[in-house]
Each structure stands twice: as C-alpha cells, then as structure tokens.
C-alpha atoms as a PDB file:
ATOM      1  CA  PHE A   1     -20.076 -14.676 -12.045  1.00  0.00           C
ATOM      2  CA  GLY A   2     -18.373 -12.088  -9.513  1.00  0.00           C
ATOM      3  CA  ARG A   3     -15.118 -13.190 -10.830  1.00  0.00           C
ATOM      4  CA  PHE A   4     -15.802 -12.883 -14.405  1.00  0.00           C
ATOM      5  CA  LEU A   5     -17.570  -9.439 -13.690  1.00  0.00           C
ATOM      6  CA  LEU A   6     -14.241  -8.154 -12.087  1.00  0.00           C
ATOM      7  CA  GLU A   7     -12.036  -9.634 -14.771  1.00  0.00           C
ATOM      8  CA  GLY A   8     -13.904  -7.799 -17.368  1.00  0.00           C
ATOM      9  CA  ARG A   9     -15.152 -10.918 -19.079  1.00  0.00           C
ATOM     10  CA  ALA A  10     -18.838 -10.560 -18.267  1.00  0.00           C
ATOM     11  CA  LEU A  11     -19.142  -7.008 -19.734  1.00  0.00           C
ATOM     12  CA  PRO A  12     -16.891  -5.777 -22.451  1.00  0.00           C
ATOM     13  CA  SER A  13     -16.844  -2.190 -21.076  1.00  0.00           C
ATOM     14  CA  LEU A  14     -15.114  -3.525 -17.956  1.00  0.00           C
ATOM     15  CA  ARG A  15     -12.153  -4.936 -19.656  1.00  0.00           C
ATOM     16  CA  GLY A  16      -9.879  -2.365 -18.248  1.00  0.00           C
ATOM     17  CA  LEU A  17     -11.095  -2.921 -14.694  1.00  0.00           C
ATOM     18  CA  PRO A  18      -8.676  -5.509 -13.575  1.00  0.00           C
ATOM     19  CA  ALA A  19      -5.672  -3.093 -13.909  1.00  0.00           C
ATOM     20  CA  LEU A  20      -7.338  -0.710 -11.533  1.00  0.00           C
ATOM     21  CA  LEU A  21      -8.020  -3.397  -8.713  1.00  0.00           C
ATOM     22  CA  ASN A  22      -5.921  -3.908  -5.573  1.00  0.00           C
ATOM     23  CA  ASP A  23      -6.260  -7.590  -5.815  1.00  0.00           C
ATOM     24  CA  SER A  24      -6.732 -10.337  -8.555  1.00  0.00           C
ATOM     25  CA  PRO A  25     -10.345 -11.125  -9.204  1.00  0.00           C
ATOM     26  CA  ALA A  26      -9.096 -14.762  -9.067  1.00  0.00           C
ATOM     27  CA  LEU A  27      -9.320 -14.269  -5.136  1.00  0.00           C
ATOM     28  CA  VAL A  28     -13.039 -14.670  -5.603  1.00  0.00           C
ATOM     29  CA  THR A  29     -12.634 -18.460  -6.301  1.00  0.00           C
ATOM     30  CA  ARG A  30      -9.958 -19.229  -3.929  1.00  0.00           C
ATOM     31  CA  ARG A  31     -10.675 -21.613  -1.135  1.00  0.00           C
ATOM     32  CA  ALA A  32      -9.592 -19.023   1.595  1.00  0.00           C
ATOM     33  CA  SER A  33     -11.293 -15.858   0.718  1.00  0.00           C
ATOM     34  CA  ALA A  34     -11.230 -12.181   1.992  1.00  0.00           C
ATOM     35  CA  GLY A  35     -13.793 -10.156   3.407  1.00  0.00           C
ATOM     36  CA  LYS A  36     -14.342  -8.182   0.318  1.00  0.00           C
ATOM     37  CA  VAL A  37     -15.175 -11.597  -1.592  1.00  0.00           C
ATOM     38  CA  ALA A  38     -17.801 -12.261   1.107  1.00  0.00           C
ATOM     39  CA  LEU A  39     -19.327  -8.852   0.512  1.00  0.00           C
ATOM     40  CA  LEU A  40     -19.387  -9.290  -3.330  1.00  0.00           C
ATOM     41  CA  VAL A  41     -20.827 -12.571  -3.194  1.00  0.00           C
ATOM     42  CA  ALA A  42     -23.294 -11.664  -0.495  1.00  0.00           C
ATOM     43  CA  ALA A  43     -24.484  -8.697  -2.530  1.00  0.00           C
ATOM     44  CA  LEU A  44     -24.830 -10.846  -5.690  1.00  0.00           C
ATOM     45  CA  ARG A  45     -26.655 -13.639  -3.974  1.00  0.00           C
ATOM     46  CA  LYS A  46     -29.021 -11.150  -1.988  1.00  0.00           C
ATOM     47  CA  ALA A  47     -30.057  -9.504  -5.190  1.00  0.00           C
ATOM     48  CA  GLY A  48     -30.390 -12.797  -7.120  1.00  0.00           C
ATOM     49  CA  VAL A  49     -27.635 -11.789  -9.714  1.00  0.00           C
ATOM     50  CA  ASP A  50     -25.930 -14.565 -11.449  1.00  0.00           C
ATOM     51  CA  SER A  51     -25.780 -13.538 -14.989  1.00  0.00           C
ATOM     52  CA  VAL A  52     -25.246 -10.393 -17.121  1.00  0.00           C
ATOM     53  CA  ALA A  53     -29.006 -10.433 -17.776  1.00  0.00           C
ATOM     54  CA  SER A  54     -30.001 -10.502 -14.069  1.00  0.00           C
ATOM     55  CA  LEU A  55     -27.446  -7.608 -13.401  1.00  0.00           C
ATOM     56  CA  ARG A  56     -28.865  -5.646 -16.172  1.00  0.00           C
ATOM     57  CA  ARG A  57     -32.307  -6.202 -14.917  1.00  0.00           C
ATOM     58  CA  HIS A  58     -31.147  -5.190 -11.455  1.00  0.00           C
ATOM     59  CA  TRP A  59     -29.439  -1.943 -12.555  1.00  0.00           C
ATOM     60  CA  ALA A  60     -32.533  -0.934 -14.716  1.00  0.00           C
ATOM     61  CA  GLU A  61     -35.239  -1.867 -12.440  1.00  0.00           C
ATOM     62  CA  VAL A  62     -33.990  -1.932  -8.781  1.00  0.00           C
ATOM     63  CA  ASP A  63     -30.962  -0.079  -8.106  1.00  0.00           C
ATOM     64  CA  ASP A  64     -28.423   1.768 -10.743  1.00  0.00           C
ATOM     65  CA  LYS A  65     -25.683   1.993  -7.960  1.00  0.00           C
ATOM     66  CA  PHE A  66     -25.771  -1.529  -7.111  1.00  0.00           C
ATOM     67  CA  LEU A  67     -22.297  -2.873  -6.301  1.00  0.00           C
ATOM     68  CA  LEU A  68     -20.495   0.517  -6.551  1.00  0.00           C
ATOM     69  CA  ALA A  69     -19.803   0.364  -2.733  1.00  0.00           C
ATOM     70  CA  VAL A  70     -18.759  -3.154  -3.037  1.00  0.00           C
ATOM     71  CA  LEU A  71     -16.235  -2.390  -5.929  1.00  0.00           C
ATOM     72  CA  LYS A  72     -14.819   0.393  -3.846  1.00  0.00           C
ATOM     73  CA  GLN A  73     -13.173  -2.204  -1.784  1.00  0.00           C
ATOM     74  CA  TRP A  74     -11.571  -3.692  -4.574  1.00  0.00           C
ATOM     75  CA  THR A  75     -10.183  -0.511  -5.948  1.00  0.00           C
ATOM     76  CA  LYS A  76      -6.570   0.876  -5.932  1.00  0.00           C
ATOM     77  CA  LYS A  77      -7.125   4.206  -3.981  1.00  0.00           C
ATOM     78  CA  GLU A  78      -5.178   6.189  -6.626  1.00  0.00           C
ATOM     79  CA  LYS A  79      -7.641   4.553  -9.412  1.00  0.00           C
ATOM     80  CA  ALA A  80     -10.790   5.428  -7.708  1.00  0.00           C
ATOM     81  CA  ASP A  81     -12.049   8.037  -9.922  1.00  0.00           C
ATOM     82  CA  ASP A  82     -11.312   6.140 -12.983  1.00  0.00           C
ATOM     83  CA  VAL A  83     -13.056   3.065 -11.741  1.00  0.00           C
ATOM     84  CA  LYS A  84     -16.225   5.184 -10.729  1.00  0.00           C
ATOM     85  CA  LYS A  85     -16.297   6.782 -14.176  1.00  0.00           C
ATOM     86  CA  MET A  86     -15.858   3.295 -15.851  1.00  0.00           C
ATOM     87  CA  TRP A  87     -18.542   1.929 -13.616  1.00  0.00           C
ATOM     88  CA  ILE A  88     -21.198   4.635 -14.087  1.00  0.00           C
ATOM     89  CA  ALA A  89     -20.482   4.301 -17.971  1.00  0.00           C
ATOM     90  CA  THR A  90     -21.222   0.621 -17.802  1.00  0.00           C
ATOM     91  CA  VAL A  91     -24.190   0.637 -15.855  1.00  0.00           C
ATOM     92  CA  ARG A  92     -25.820   3.484 -18.030  1.00  0.00           C
ATOM     93  CA  GLU A  93     -24.819   1.492 -21.183  1.00  0.00           C
ATOM     94  CA  ASN A  94     -26.330  -1.796 -19.642  1.00  0.00           C
ATOM     95  CA  ILE A  95     -29.515  -0.155 -18.583  1.00  0.00           C
ATOM     96  CA  THR A  96     -30.004   1.055 -22.081  1.00  0.00           C
ATOM     97  CA  ILE A  97     -29.276  -2.546 -23.390  1.00  0.00           C
ATOM     98  CA  TRP A  98     -31.897  -3.650 -20.880  1.00  0.00           C
ATOM     99  CA  LYS A  99     -34.513  -1.465 -21.799  1.00  0.00           C
ATOM    100  CA  GLY A 100     -33.945  -2.421 -25.532  1.00  0.00           C
ATOM    101  CA  THR A 101     -34.635  -5.960 -24.913  1.00  0.00           C
ATOM    102  CA  GLN A 102     -37.831  -5.353 -23.137  1.00  0.00           C
END
C-alpha cells in the first residue's frame, strides 16, 4: 500500500507526487530497503493502515497530519512546499470523502 500511495496510484490527487520525490516509490518493495522505507512501513503498520479506506479513517478520526513527517524523508528539498500543499489538499479532500460515507 505504501508504494501505491507514493506512486499516486492509491489516491488520484497524488498522481503528481512521484516527480517530487527524491527516490522511486519502487524502493518500498525492493529486498534491501532504505531507512525511510522502514519509517513508512512502520507508521502504516502501527496505525493499522493498509488501504485507502483505513487511511481516510485515520486522517478523519485520529491524525490529519499522519504520514506528513514521513513523507518529508521522500521529498526533494526544493519541492518541499509543493509536496506539503499537495498533501494537505489530499488529506482535506479525503477527510471530506470519509465523512460523506459515514
């Protein structure tokens, strides 16, 4: 799920995210992984997030800043503001979607 999230395949509003990252999201599923992969996977596992629905629920009910700090590890420094704006808009959109399904 983490790879699809970073690839912009899990949420349409993040389709432009891969161009702003300092590494390929494919790194998540490689055998020898980087520390930032471990941080992403650990955060998702600890929160019980393994799907778009569970991510929306977590953002809406627990922490609307969930994964933002982890995402900074993946972001090109010069694109940090762009990523933050995209991420905040995505979280807001998905909280609205979650509330509409409840």
